[in-house]
């Protein structure tokens, strides 16, 4: 009798152990089904052109992927009304779809799940003097440094500022886009953490190319050089970039600069000897300035000849031999 009782208890225990995983598995299937179907994308507000996955429990004819139209709405089969999606979080859209299904007497107690398959309403564009210009979607926490990093960083010919144009905001009935100028060096050096602004989507980031100065004449390496230090560029720095003066340079050099309202370039003589001896101030150079240093014979070319040779890509050293 004791043996028979032991066998019965053992069978009952084994049955209980076999049933428990099945029950637990069923509970997991029902409770976590929406999470399993949901996208791995971060939850953001929806916008036009986003692709949504809509699942209505036990209603395969209503379950489908739908793209938000240009007006920010979606439409489901058998429904007369369109449903606004733009500006809502997925869980808010679930409530809207549920209410619409009930109000149109399509379902009595629908269970609706909305997931984001693809965001396309939150583009961030990075263009200009970056290594890999691109457009990507702002999902999750995206900062200005993140955007620049995705573009491969600033290029060697990048200027001193980054221009961030934020999407237009409606205010007093008018659209008001805002463009923010941020110093490249301060952003990359982390001098001011507030410059690393958070991006919400819709921003256009442009890194302008640096201005250029043209150095010609009696220097060791004539050429075109970018201005990477903004207003701090000067004659001495241009000479340093061109690897210094060649022998027998004139004591007077010339800056050719375009002035507003003038045809051609204005010729500005400078005391090169006084600058080198620190007896006169080092004059600044601006974008598109041309610094020309004649040889000691005093013979020099006109700005037109120098500019033409630079523009055509001819050897600058040969200019001096004319």
C-alpha atoms as a PDB file:
ATOM      1  CA  UNK A   1       0.000   0.000   0.000  1.00  0.00           C
ATOM      2  CA  UNK A   2       2.810   2.382   0.892  1.00  0.00           C
ATOM      3  CA  UNK A   3       4.526   1.574  -2.407  1.00  0.00           C
ATOM      4  CA  UNK A   4       1.362   2.309  -4.368  1.00  0.00           C
ATOM      5  CA  UNK A   5       0.896   5.637  -2.518  1.00  0.00           C
ATOM      6  CA  UNK A   6       4.500   6.613  -3.271  1.00  0.00           C
ATOM      7  CA  UNK A   7       4.011   5.894  -6.967  1.00  0.00           C
ATOM      8  CA  UNK A   8       0.811   7.995  -7.089  1.00  0.00           C
ATOM      9  CA  UNK A   9       2.536  10.963  -5.367  1.00  0.00           C
ATOM     10  CA  UNK A  10       5.495  10.736  -7.729  1.00  0.00           C
ATOM     11  CA  UNK A  11       3.203  10.774 -10.765  1.00  0.00           C
ATOM     12  CA  UNK A  12       1.274  13.771  -9.402  1.00  0.00           C
ATOM     13  CA  UNK A  13       4.487  15.723  -8.806  1.00  0.00           C
ATOM     14  CA  UNK A  14       5.733  14.973 -12.289  1.00  0.00           C
ATOM     15  CA  UNK A  15       2.441  16.133 -13.800  1.00  0.00           C
ATOM     16  CA  UNK A  16       2.591  19.389 -11.847  1.00  0.00           C
ATOM     17  CA  UNK A  17       6.135  20.057 -13.018  1.00  0.00           C
ATOM     18  CA  UNK A  18       5.175  19.363 -16.607  1.00  0.00           C
ATOM     19  CA  UNK A  19       2.129  21.681 -16.498  1.00  0.00           C
ATOM     20  CA  UNK A  20       3.901  24.631 -14.798  1.00  0.00           C
ATOM     21  CA  UNK A  21       6.251  25.550 -17.695  1.00  0.00           C
ATOM     22  CA  UNK A  22       3.304  25.395 -20.116  1.00  0.00           C
ATOM     23  CA  UNK A  23       1.278  27.763 -17.953  1.00  0.00           C
ATOM     24  CA  UNK A  24       4.201  30.120 -17.478  1.00  0.00           C
ATOM     25  CA  UNK A  25       4.979  30.039 -21.166  1.00  0.00           C
ATOM     26  CA  UNK A  26       1.376  30.947 -21.967  1.00  0.00           C
ATOM     27  CA  UNK A  27       1.518  33.875 -19.555  1.00  0.00           C
ATOM     28  CA  UNK A  28       4.727  35.168 -21.149  1.00  0.00           C
ATOM     29  CA  UNK A  29       3.263  34.866 -24.624  1.00  0.00           C
ATOM     30  CA  UNK A  30       0.222  36.991 -23.767  1.00  0.00           C
ATOM     31  CA  UNK A  31       1.871  39.562 -21.518  1.00  0.00           C
ATOM     32  CA  UNK A  32       4.945  40.212 -23.634  1.00  0.00           C
ATOM     33  CA  UNK A  33       3.516  39.837 -27.137  1.00  0.00           C
ATOM     34  CA  UNK A  34       3.197  43.588 -27.724  1.00  0.00           C
ATOM     35  CA  UNK A  35       6.779  44.156 -26.524  1.00  0.00           C
ATOM     36  CA  UNK A  36       8.086  41.436 -28.811  1.00  0.00           C
ATOM     37  CA  UNK A  37       6.270  42.933 -31.790  1.00  0.00           C
ATOM     38  CA  UNK A  38       7.374  46.466 -30.949  1.00  0.00           C
ATOM     39  CA  UNK A  39      10.259  48.049 -32.779  1.00  0.00           C
ATOM     40  CA  UNK A  40      13.636  48.495 -31.141  1.00  0.00           C
ATOM     41  CA  UNK A  41      13.587  52.150 -32.180  1.00  0.00           C
ATOM     42  CA  UNK A  42      13.417  54.728 -29.382  1.00  0.00           C
ATOM     43  CA  UNK A  43       9.925  56.039 -28.666  1.00  0.00           C
ATOM     44  CA  UNK A  44       9.509  59.480 -30.238  1.00  0.00           C
ATOM     45  CA  UNK A  45       6.577  61.572 -31.364  1.00  0.00           C
ATOM     46  CA  UNK A  46       5.260  60.527 -34.751  1.00  0.00           C
ATOM     47  CA  UNK A  47       5.386  62.652 -37.856  1.00  0.00           C
ATOM     48  CA  UNK A  48       4.648  62.689 -41.566  1.00  0.00           C
ATOM     49  CA  UNK A  49       6.190  59.845 -43.599  1.00  0.00           C
ATOM     50  CA  UNK A  50       6.883  57.629 -40.561  1.00  0.00           C
ATOM     51  CA  UNK A  51       6.138  53.930 -41.177  1.00  0.00           C
ATOM     52  CA  UNK A  52       4.009  52.318 -38.462  1.00  0.00           C
ATOM     53  CA  UNK A  53       3.196  48.735 -37.629  1.00  0.00           C
ATOM     54  CA  UNK A  54      -0.423  48.471 -36.412  1.00  0.00           C
ATOM     55  CA  UNK A  55      -1.650  45.246 -34.839  1.00  0.00           C
ATOM     56  CA  UNK A  56      -5.298  44.699 -33.839  1.00  0.00           C
ATOM     57  CA  UNK A  57      -5.738  41.513 -31.807  1.00  0.00           C
ATOM     58  CA  UNK A  58      -7.759  38.814 -33.596  1.00  0.00           C
ATOM     59  CA  UNK A  59      -8.370  41.162 -36.566  1.00  0.00           C
ATOM     60  CA  UNK A  60      -5.817  40.390 -39.283  1.00  0.00           C
ATOM     61  CA  UNK A  61      -7.761  42.504 -41.779  1.00  0.00           C
ATOM     62  CA  UNK A  62      -6.924  45.582 -39.685  1.00  0.00           C
ATOM     63  CA  UNK A  63      -3.332  44.651 -38.837  1.00  0.00           C
ATOM     64  CA  UNK A  64      -0.852  46.120 -41.297  1.00  0.00           C
ATOM     65  CA  UNK A  65       1.978  48.604 -41.852  1.00  0.00           C
ATOM     66  CA  UNK A  66       0.806  52.132 -42.601  1.00  0.00           C
ATOM     67  CA  UNK A  67       2.775  55.225 -43.548  1.00  0.00           C
ATOM     68  CA  UNK A  68       1.736  58.569 -42.075  1.00  0.00           C
ATOM     69  CA  UNK A  69       0.635  60.852 -44.910  1.00  0.00           C
ATOM     70  CA  UNK A  70       1.809  64.405 -45.585  1.00  0.00           C
ATOM     71  CA  UNK A  71      -1.052  65.800 -43.478  1.00  0.00           C
ATOM     72  CA  UNK A  72      -0.020  63.674 -40.495  1.00  0.00           C
ATOM     73  CA  UNK A  73      -2.916  61.193 -40.734  1.00  0.00           C
ATOM     74  CA  UNK A  74      -3.360  57.450 -41.269  1.00  0.00           C
ATOM     75  CA  UNK A  75      -6.271  55.466 -42.654  1.00  0.00           C
ATOM     76  CA  UNK A  76      -7.236  51.876 -41.815  1.00  0.00           C
ATOM     77  CA  UNK A  77      -9.485  49.520 -43.801  1.00  0.00           C
ATOM     78  CA  UNK A  78     -13.255  49.708 -43.118  1.00  0.00           C
ATOM     79  CA  UNK A  79     -12.852  53.019 -41.305  1.00  0.00           C
ATOM     80  CA  UNK A  80     -14.541  56.130 -42.678  1.00  0.00           C
ATOM     81  CA  UNK A  81     -12.414  58.644 -40.818  1.00  0.00           C
ATOM     82  CA  UNK A  82      -8.724  59.317 -40.989  1.00  0.00           C
ATOM     83  CA  UNK A  83      -6.842  59.282 -37.696  1.00  0.00           C
ATOM     84  CA  UNK A  84      -4.321  61.925 -36.755  1.00  0.00           C
ATOM     85  CA  UNK A  85      -0.918  60.431 -35.943  1.00  0.00           C
ATOM     86  CA  UNK A  86       1.532  63.328 -36.211  1.00  0.00           C
ATOM     87  CA  UNK A  87       2.473  64.805 -32.866  1.00  0.00           C
ATOM     88  CA  UNK A  88       1.394  61.710 -30.913  1.00  0.00           C
ATOM     89  CA  UNK A  89       3.447  59.047 -29.181  1.00  0.00           C
ATOM     90  CA  UNK A  90       2.695  55.466 -30.307  1.00  0.00           C
ATOM     91  CA  UNK A  91       0.757  54.697 -27.110  1.00  0.00           C
ATOM     92  CA  UNK A  92      -1.394  57.798 -27.689  1.00  0.00           C
ATOM     93  CA  UNK A  93      -2.143  56.674 -31.239  1.00  0.00           C
ATOM     94  CA  UNK A  94      -3.180  53.278 -29.850  1.00  0.00           C
ATOM     95  CA  UNK A  95      -5.893  55.032 -27.812  1.00  0.00           C
ATOM     96  CA  UNK A  96      -7.044  57.056 -30.827  1.00  0.00           C
ATOM     97  CA  UNK A  97      -7.348  53.943 -33.021  1.00  0.00           C
ATOM     98  CA  UNK A  98      -9.188  52.087 -30.258  1.00  0.00           C
ATOM     99  CA  UNK A  99     -11.702  54.923 -29.851  1.00  0.00           C
ATOM    100  CA  UNK A 100     -12.242  55.161 -33.633  1.00  0.00           C
ATOM    101  CA  UNK A 101     -12.869  51.409 -33.973  1.00  0.00           C
ATOM    102  CA  UNK A 102     -15.473  51.547 -31.192  1.00  0.00           C
ATOM    103  CA  UNK A 103     -17.171  54.751 -32.374  1.00  0.00           C
ATOM    104  CA  UNK A 104     -17.604  53.360 -35.899  1.00  0.00           C
ATOM    105  CA  UNK A 105     -19.010  50.064 -34.506  1.00  0.00           C
ATOM    106  CA  UNK A 106     -16.259  48.010 -36.106  1.00  0.00           C
ATOM    107  CA  UNK A 107     -15.083  46.295 -32.920  1.00  0.00           C
ATOM    108  CA  UNK A 108     -16.509  46.243 -29.404  1.00  0.00           C
ATOM    109  CA  UNK A 109     -13.356  45.982 -27.304  1.00  0.00           C
ATOM    110  CA  UNK A 110     -10.325  46.160 -29.608  1.00  0.00           C
ATOM    111  CA  UNK A 111      -6.756  45.593 -28.420  1.00  0.00           C
ATOM    112  CA  UNK A 112      -4.444  47.781 -30.508  1.00  0.00           C
ATOM    113  CA  UNK A 113      -0.656  47.892 -30.594  1.00  0.00           C
ATOM    114  CA  UNK A 114       1.346  50.520 -32.523  1.00  0.00           C
ATOM    115  CA  UNK A 115       5.082  50.246 -33.154  1.00  0.00           C
ATOM    116  CA  UNK A 116       7.417  52.346 -35.286  1.00  0.00           C
ATOM    117  CA  UNK A 117       8.970  50.459 -38.176  1.00  0.00           C
ATOM    118  CA  UNK A 118      10.851  53.437 -39.617  1.00  0.00           C
ATOM    119  CA  UNK A 119      11.247  57.096 -38.682  1.00  0.00           C
ATOM    120  CA  UNK A 120      11.392  59.479 -41.628  1.00  0.00           C
ATOM    121  CA  UNK A 121       9.876  62.602 -40.097  1.00  0.00           C
ATOM    122  CA  UNK A 122      12.924  63.649 -38.068  1.00  0.00           C
ATOM    123  CA  UNK A 123      15.741  64.216 -40.601  1.00  0.00           C
ATOM    124  CA  UNK A 124      18.974  65.940 -39.644  1.00  0.00           C
ATOM    125  CA  UNK A 125      21.122  67.101 -42.557  1.00  0.00           C
ATOM    126  CA  UNK A 126      24.863  67.699 -42.212  1.00  0.00           C
ATOM    127  CA  UNK A 127      26.490  69.391 -45.208  1.00  0.00           C
ATOM    128  CA  UNK A 128      29.396  71.607 -46.162  1.00  0.00           C
ATOM    129  CA  UNK A 129      32.992  71.144 -45.073  1.00  0.00           C
ATOM    130  CA  UNK A 130      32.583  67.735 -43.419  1.00  0.00           C
ATOM    131  CA  UNK A 131      34.173  64.482 -44.496  1.00  0.00           C
ATOM    132  CA  UNK A 132      30.947  62.565 -45.206  1.00  0.00           C
ATOM    133  CA  UNK A 133      27.875  64.758 -45.708  1.00  0.00           C
ATOM    134  CA  UNK A 134      24.716  62.865 -44.820  1.00  0.00           C
ATOM    135  CA  UNK A 135      21.094  62.937 -43.688  1.00  0.00           C
ATOM    136  CA  UNK A 136      19.945  60.734 -40.817  1.00  0.00           C
ATOM    137  CA  UNK A 137      16.960  60.436 -38.504  1.00  0.00           C
ATOM    138  CA  UNK A 138      17.015  61.901 -35.001  1.00  0.00           C
ATOM    139  CA  UNK A 139      16.146  58.931 -32.831  1.00  0.00           C
ATOM    140  CA  UNK A 140      17.066  58.904 -29.178  1.00  0.00           C
ATOM    141  CA  UNK A 141      19.340  61.521 -27.679  1.00  0.00           C
ATOM    142  CA  UNK A 142      21.212  63.249 -30.540  1.00  0.00           C
ATOM    143  CA  UNK A 143      23.545  66.207 -29.992  1.00  0.00           C
ATOM    144  CA  UNK A 144      25.439  68.479 -32.352  1.00  0.00           C
ATOM    145  CA  UNK A 145      28.685  66.601 -31.686  1.00  0.00           C
ATOM    146  CA  UNK A 146      26.905  63.327 -32.501  1.00  0.00           C
ATOM    147  CA  UNK A 147      25.800  64.757 -35.842  1.00  0.00           C
ATOM    148  CA  UNK A 148      29.280  66.043 -36.709  1.00  0.00           C
ATOM    149  CA  UNK A 149      30.781  62.682 -35.705  1.00  0.00           C
ATOM    150  CA  UNK A 150      28.340  60.794 -37.949  1.00  0.00           C
ATOM    151  CA  UNK A 151      29.513  63.008 -40.808  1.00  0.00           C
ATOM    152  CA  UNK A 152      33.113  61.935 -40.168  1.00  0.00           C
ATOM    153  CA  UNK A 153      34.118  65.169 -38.458  1.00  0.00           C
ATOM    154  CA  UNK A 154      34.933  68.556 -39.950  1.00  0.00           C
ATOM    155  CA  UNK A 155      37.110  68.629 -43.055  1.00  0.00           C
ATOM    156  CA  UNK A 156      40.524  70.266 -43.252  1.00  0.00           C
ATOM    157  CA  UNK A 157      39.067  73.209 -45.154  1.00  0.00           C
ATOM    158  CA  UNK A 158      36.342  73.877 -42.572  1.00  0.00           C
ATOM    159  CA  UNK A 159      35.784  77.428 -41.442  1.00  0.00           C
ATOM    160  CA  UNK A 160      35.548  78.690 -37.894  1.00  0.00           C
ATOM    161  CA  UNK A 161      31.781  78.357 -37.420  1.00  0.00           C
ATOM    162  CA  UNK A 162      28.977  75.803 -37.672  1.00  0.00           C
ATOM    163  CA  UNK A 163      25.542  77.035 -38.755  1.00  0.00           C
ATOM    164  CA  UNK A 164      22.572  75.179 -37.270  1.00  0.00           C
ATOM    165  CA  UNK A 165      19.191  76.061 -38.764  1.00  0.00           C
ATOM    166  CA  UNK A 166      16.366  74.837 -36.570  1.00  0.00           C
ATOM    167  CA  UNK A 167      12.980  73.917 -38.078  1.00  0.00           C
ATOM    168  CA  UNK A 168      10.507  76.744 -38.413  1.00  0.00           C
ATOM    169  CA  UNK A 169       8.201  77.250 -35.456  1.00  0.00           C
ATOM    170  CA  UNK A 170       4.799  78.834 -35.790  1.00  0.00           C
ATOM    171  CA  UNK A 171       4.381  81.935 -33.726  1.00  0.00           C
ATOM    172  CA  UNK A 172       1.878  84.752 -34.195  1.00  0.00           C
ATOM    173  CA  UNK A 173       0.837  83.106 -37.438  1.00  0.00           C
ATOM    174  CA  UNK A 174       4.300  83.354 -39.004  1.00  0.00           C
ATOM    175  CA  UNK A 175       7.034  80.817 -39.583  1.00  0.00           C
ATOM    176  CA  UNK A 176      10.251  81.773 -37.871  1.00  0.00           C
ATOM    177  CA  UNK A 177      13.288  79.584 -38.633  1.00  0.00           C
ATOM    178  CA  UNK A 178      16.253  80.203 -36.378  1.00  0.00           C
ATOM    179  CA  UNK A 179      19.890  79.898 -37.441  1.00  0.00           C
ATOM    180  CA  UNK A 180      22.451  79.503 -34.686  1.00  0.00           C
ATOM    181  CA  UNK A 181      26.179  80.119 -35.205  1.00  0.00           C
ATOM    182  CA  UNK A 182      28.526  77.983 -33.097  1.00  0.00           C
ATOM    183  CA  UNK A 183      32.318  78.253 -32.989  1.00  0.00           C
ATOM    184  CA  UNK A 184      33.968  75.047 -34.173  1.00  0.00           C
ATOM    185  CA  UNK A 185      36.953  75.302 -31.857  1.00  0.00           C
ATOM    186  CA  UNK A 186      34.844  75.993 -28.741  1.00  0.00           C
ATOM    187  CA  UNK A 187      32.519  73.079 -29.557  1.00  0.00           C
ATOM    188  CA  UNK A 188      35.291  70.549 -30.189  1.00  0.00           C
ATOM    189  CA  UNK A 189      37.363  71.679 -27.208  1.00  0.00           C
ATOM    190  CA  UNK A 190      34.356  71.431 -24.879  1.00  0.00           C
ATOM    191  CA  UNK A 191      34.936  74.939 -23.549  1.00  0.00           C
ATOM    192  CA  UNK A 192      31.196  75.526 -23.213  1.00  0.00           C
ATOM    193  CA  UNK A 193      29.012  72.394 -22.834  1.00  0.00           C
ATOM    194  CA  UNK A 194      25.903  74.402 -23.761  1.00  0.00           C
ATOM    195  CA  UNK A 195      27.211  74.665 -27.327  1.00  0.00           C
ATOM    196  CA  UNK A 196      26.659  70.926 -27.777  1.00  0.00           C
ATOM    197  CA  UNK A 197      22.954  71.479 -28.336  1.00  0.00           C
ATOM    198  CA  UNK A 198      20.386  68.697 -28.444  1.00  0.00           C
ATOM    199  CA  UNK A 199      18.840  68.045 -31.859  1.00  0.00           C
ATOM    200  CA  UNK A 200      15.164  67.165 -32.141  1.00  0.00           C
ATOM    201  CA  UNK A 201      14.962  66.519 -35.882  1.00  0.00           C
ATOM    202  CA  UNK A 202      14.425  68.870 -38.795  1.00  0.00           C
ATOM    203  CA  UNK A 203      17.716  70.723 -38.226  1.00  0.00           C
ATOM    204  CA  UNK A 204      20.021  71.602 -41.096  1.00  0.00           C
ATOM    205  CA  UNK A 205      23.688  71.748 -40.103  1.00  0.00           C
ATOM    206  CA  UNK A 206      26.127  73.447 -42.444  1.00  0.00           C
ATOM    207  CA  UNK A 207      29.856  73.822 -41.980  1.00  0.00           C
ATOM    208  CA  UNK A 208      31.021  76.604 -44.323  1.00  0.00           C
ATOM    209  CA  UNK A 209      34.400  76.288 -45.942  1.00  0.00           C
ATOM    210  CA  UNK A 210      37.159  78.509 -44.638  1.00  0.00           C
ATOM    211  CA  UNK A 211      37.971  81.648 -46.541  1.00  0.00           C
ATOM    212  CA  UNK A 212      41.124  81.605 -48.650  1.00  0.00           C
ATOM    213  CA  UNK A 213      44.091  83.904 -49.034  1.00  0.00           C
ATOM    214  CA  UNK A 214      46.388  83.888 -52.042  1.00  0.00           C
ATOM    215  CA  UNK A 215      50.118  84.243 -51.467  1.00  0.00           C
ATOM    216  CA  UNK A 216      52.254  84.980 -54.500  1.00  0.00           C
ATOM    217  CA  UNK A 217      55.652  86.403 -55.285  1.00  0.00           C
ATOM    218  CA  UNK A 218      58.972  86.002 -53.556  1.00  0.00           C
ATOM    219  CA  UNK A 219      58.030  83.277 -51.021  1.00  0.00           C
ATOM    220  CA  UNK A 220      59.244  79.697 -50.880  1.00  0.00           C
ATOM    221  CA  UNK A 221      55.853  78.092 -51.424  1.00  0.00           C
ATOM    222  CA  UNK A 222      53.332  80.341 -53.171  1.00  0.00           C
ATOM    223  CA  UNK A 223      49.783  79.047 -53.103  1.00  0.00           C
ATOM    224  CA  UNK A 224      46.219  79.291 -51.836  1.00  0.00           C
ATOM    225  CA  UNK A 225      45.783  78.839 -48.088  1.00  0.00           C
ATOM    226  CA  UNK A 226      42.603  78.481 -46.009  1.00  0.00           C
ATOM    227  CA  UNK A 227      41.897  80.930 -43.211  1.00  0.00           C
ATOM    228  CA  UNK A 228      41.293  78.632 -40.264  1.00  0.00           C
ATOM    229  CA  UNK A 229      41.769  81.229 -37.540  1.00  0.00           C
ATOM    230  CA  UNK A 230      39.121  83.708 -38.723  1.00  0.00           C
ATOM    231  CA  UNK A 231      39.895  87.382 -38.040  1.00  0.00           C
ATOM    232  CA  UNK A 232      43.259  86.469 -36.500  1.00  0.00           C
ATOM    233  CA  UNK A 233      44.761  85.777 -39.920  1.00  0.00           C
ATOM    234  CA  UNK A 234      47.532  88.198 -40.841  1.00  0.00           C
ATOM    235  CA  UNK A 235      50.411  88.872 -43.217  1.00  0.00           C
ATOM    236  CA  UNK A 236      52.965  87.156 -40.956  1.00  0.00           C
ATOM    237  CA  UNK A 237      50.805  84.046 -40.718  1.00  0.00           C
ATOM    238  CA  UNK A 238      50.405  83.965 -44.494  1.00  0.00           C
ATOM    239  CA  UNK A 239      54.178  84.192 -44.900  1.00  0.00           C
ATOM    240  CA  UNK A 240      54.613  81.377 -42.392  1.00  0.00           C
ATOM    241  CA  UNK A 241      52.125  79.192 -44.292  1.00  0.00           C
ATOM    242  CA  UNK A 242      54.090  79.809 -47.468  1.00  0.00           C
ATOM    243  CA  UNK A 243      57.272  78.649 -45.661  1.00  0.00           C
ATOM    244  CA  UNK A 244      58.848  82.075 -45.395  1.00  0.00           C
ATOM    245  CA  UNK A 245      60.341  84.631 -47.723  1.00  0.00           C
ATOM    246  CA  UNK A 246      62.650  83.691 -50.505  1.00  0.00           C
ATOM    247  CA  UNK A 247      65.954  85.541 -50.800  1.00  0.00           C
ATOM    248  CA  UNK A 248      66.103  89.127 -52.024  1.00  0.00           C
ATOM    249  CA  UNK A 249      62.544  90.082 -51.177  1.00  0.00           C
ATOM    250  CA  UNK A 250      61.365  93.638 -51.537  1.00  0.00           C
ATOM    251  CA  UNK A 251      60.833  95.784 -48.445  1.00  0.00           C
ATOM    252  CA  UNK A 252      57.344  96.615 -49.686  1.00  0.00           C
ATOM    253  CA  UNK A 253      54.564  94.086 -50.266  1.00  0.00           C
ATOM    254  CA  UNK A 254      51.030  94.529 -51.547  1.00  0.00           C
ATOM    255  CA  UNK A 255      47.599  93.326 -50.498  1.00  0.00           C
ATOM    256  CA  UNK A 256      45.005  93.175 -53.264  1.00  0.00           C
ATOM    257  CA  UNK A 257      41.488  93.316 -51.831  1.00  0.00           C
ATOM    258  CA  UNK A 258      38.053  93.550 -53.369  1.00  0.00           C
ATOM    259  CA  UNK A 259      36.133  96.514 -52.030  1.00  0.00           C
ATOM    260  CA  UNK A 260      32.401  97.122 -52.231  1.00  0.00           C
ATOM    261  CA  UNK A 261      31.439  99.235 -55.214  1.00  0.00           C
ATOM    262  CA  UNK A 262      34.854  98.891 -56.863  1.00  0.00           C
ATOM    263  CA  UNK A 263      35.785  97.178 -60.103  1.00  0.00           C
ATOM    264  CA  UNK A 264      38.830  94.975 -59.714  1.00  0.00           C
ATOM    265  CA  UNK A 265      40.917  94.931 -56.556  1.00  0.00           C
ATOM    266  CA  UNK A 266      42.221  97.720 -54.369  1.00  0.00           C
ATOM    267  CA  UNK A 267      46.025  97.776 -54.021  1.00  0.00           C
ATOM    268  CA  UNK A 268      47.217  98.292 -50.447  1.00  0.00           C
ATOM    269  CA  UNK A 269      51.007  98.743 -50.004  1.00  0.00           C
ATOM    270  CA  UNK A 270      52.438  97.483 -46.711  1.00  0.00           C
ATOM    271  CA  UNK A 271      55.809  97.965 -45.018  1.00  0.00           C
ATOM    272  CA  UNK A 272      57.041  94.380 -45.087  1.00  0.00           C
ATOM    273  CA  UNK A 273      60.410  95.207 -43.497  1.00  0.00           C
ATOM    274  CA  UNK A 274      58.730  97.107 -40.658  1.00  0.00           C
ATOM    275  CA  UNK A 275      56.331  94.205 -40.055  1.00  0.00           C
ATOM    276  CA  UNK A 276      59.180  91.696 -39.894  1.00  0.00           C
ATOM    277  CA  UNK A 277      61.109  93.946 -37.510  1.00  0.00           C
ATOM    278  CA  UNK A 278      57.979  94.492 -35.394  1.00  0.00           C
ATOM    279  CA  UNK A 279      58.119  98.226 -35.932  1.00  0.00           C
ATOM    280  CA  UNK A 280      54.673  98.432 -37.533  1.00  0.00           C
ATOM    281  CA  UNK A 281      51.520  96.398 -36.803  1.00  0.00           C
ATOM    282  CA  UNK A 282      50.938  93.119 -38.597  1.00  0.00           C
ATOM    283  CA  UNK A 283      47.935  93.883 -40.873  1.00  0.00           C
ATOM    284  CA  UNK A 284      45.039  91.404 -40.994  1.00  0.00           C
ATOM    285  CA  UNK A 285      44.143  89.397 -44.071  1.00  0.00           C
ATOM    286  CA  UNK A 286      40.553  88.645 -45.039  1.00  0.00           C
ATOM    287  CA  UNK A 287      38.934  86.027 -47.241  1.00  0.00           C
ATOM    288  CA  UNK A 288      39.958  86.311 -50.898  1.00  0.00           C
ATOM    289  CA  UNK A 289      42.805  88.732 -50.128  1.00  0.00           C
ATOM    290  CA  UNK A 290      45.906  88.343 -52.256  1.00  0.00           C
ATOM    291  CA  UNK A 291      49.333  88.974 -50.695  1.00  0.00           C
ATOM    292  CA  UNK A 292      51.991  89.693 -53.273  1.00  0.00           C
ATOM    293  CA  UNK A 293      55.678  90.097 -52.366  1.00  0.00           C
ATOM    294  CA  UNK A 294      57.952  91.369 -55.192  1.00  0.00           C
ATOM    295  CA  UNK A 295      61.657  90.667 -55.323  1.00  0.00           C
ATOM    296  CA  UNK A 296      64.264  93.193 -54.273  1.00  0.00           C
ATOM    297  CA  UNK A 297      64.653  94.606 -57.794  1.00  0.00           C
ATOM    298  CA  UNK A 298      61.342  96.350 -57.289  1.00  0.00           C
ATOM    299  CA  UNK A 299      59.973  94.844 -60.468  1.00  0.00           C
ATOM    300  CA  UNK A 300      56.516  93.443 -59.893  1.00  0.00           C
ATOM    301  CA  UNK A 301      53.526  92.201 -61.793  1.00  0.00           C
ATOM    302  CA  UNK A 302      50.111  93.746 -61.799  1.00  0.00           C
ATOM    303  CA  UNK A 303      47.339  92.274 -59.669  1.00  0.00           C
ATOM    304  CA  UNK A 304      45.604  91.151 -62.871  1.00  0.00           C
ATOM    305  CA  UNK A 305      48.522  88.960 -63.947  1.00  0.00           C
ATOM    306  CA  UNK A 306      48.967  87.474 -60.456  1.00  0.00           C
ATOM    307  CA  UNK A 307      45.255  86.759 -60.091  1.00  0.00           C
ATOM    308  CA  UNK A 308      45.005  85.224 -63.547  1.00  0.00           C
ATOM    309  CA  UNK A 309      47.941  82.921 -62.887  1.00  0.00           C
ATOM    310  CA  UNK A 310      46.476  81.822 -59.561  1.00  0.00           C
ATOM    311  CA  UNK A 311      43.076  81.195 -61.076  1.00  0.00           C
ATOM    312  CA  UNK A 312      44.449  79.150 -63.965  1.00  0.00           C
ATOM    313  CA  UNK A 313      46.556  77.066 -61.629  1.00  0.00           C
ATOM    314  CA  UNK A 314      49.853  78.095 -63.224  1.00  0.00           C
ATOM    315  CA  UNK A 315      53.046  77.763 -61.214  1.00  0.00           C
ATOM    316  CA  UNK A 316      53.270  80.788 -58.973  1.00  0.00           C
ATOM    317  CA  UNK A 317      57.019  80.685 -58.929  1.00  0.00           C
ATOM    318  CA  UNK A 318      57.107  81.195 -62.681  1.00  0.00           C
ATOM    319  CA  UNK A 319      55.102  84.401 -62.257  1.00  0.00           C
ATOM    320  CA  UNK A 320      58.067  86.030 -60.612  1.00  0.00           C
ATOM    321  CA  UNK A 321      60.239  85.242 -63.579  1.00  0.00           C
ATOM    322  CA  UNK A 322      58.127  87.258 -65.999  1.00  0.00           C
END
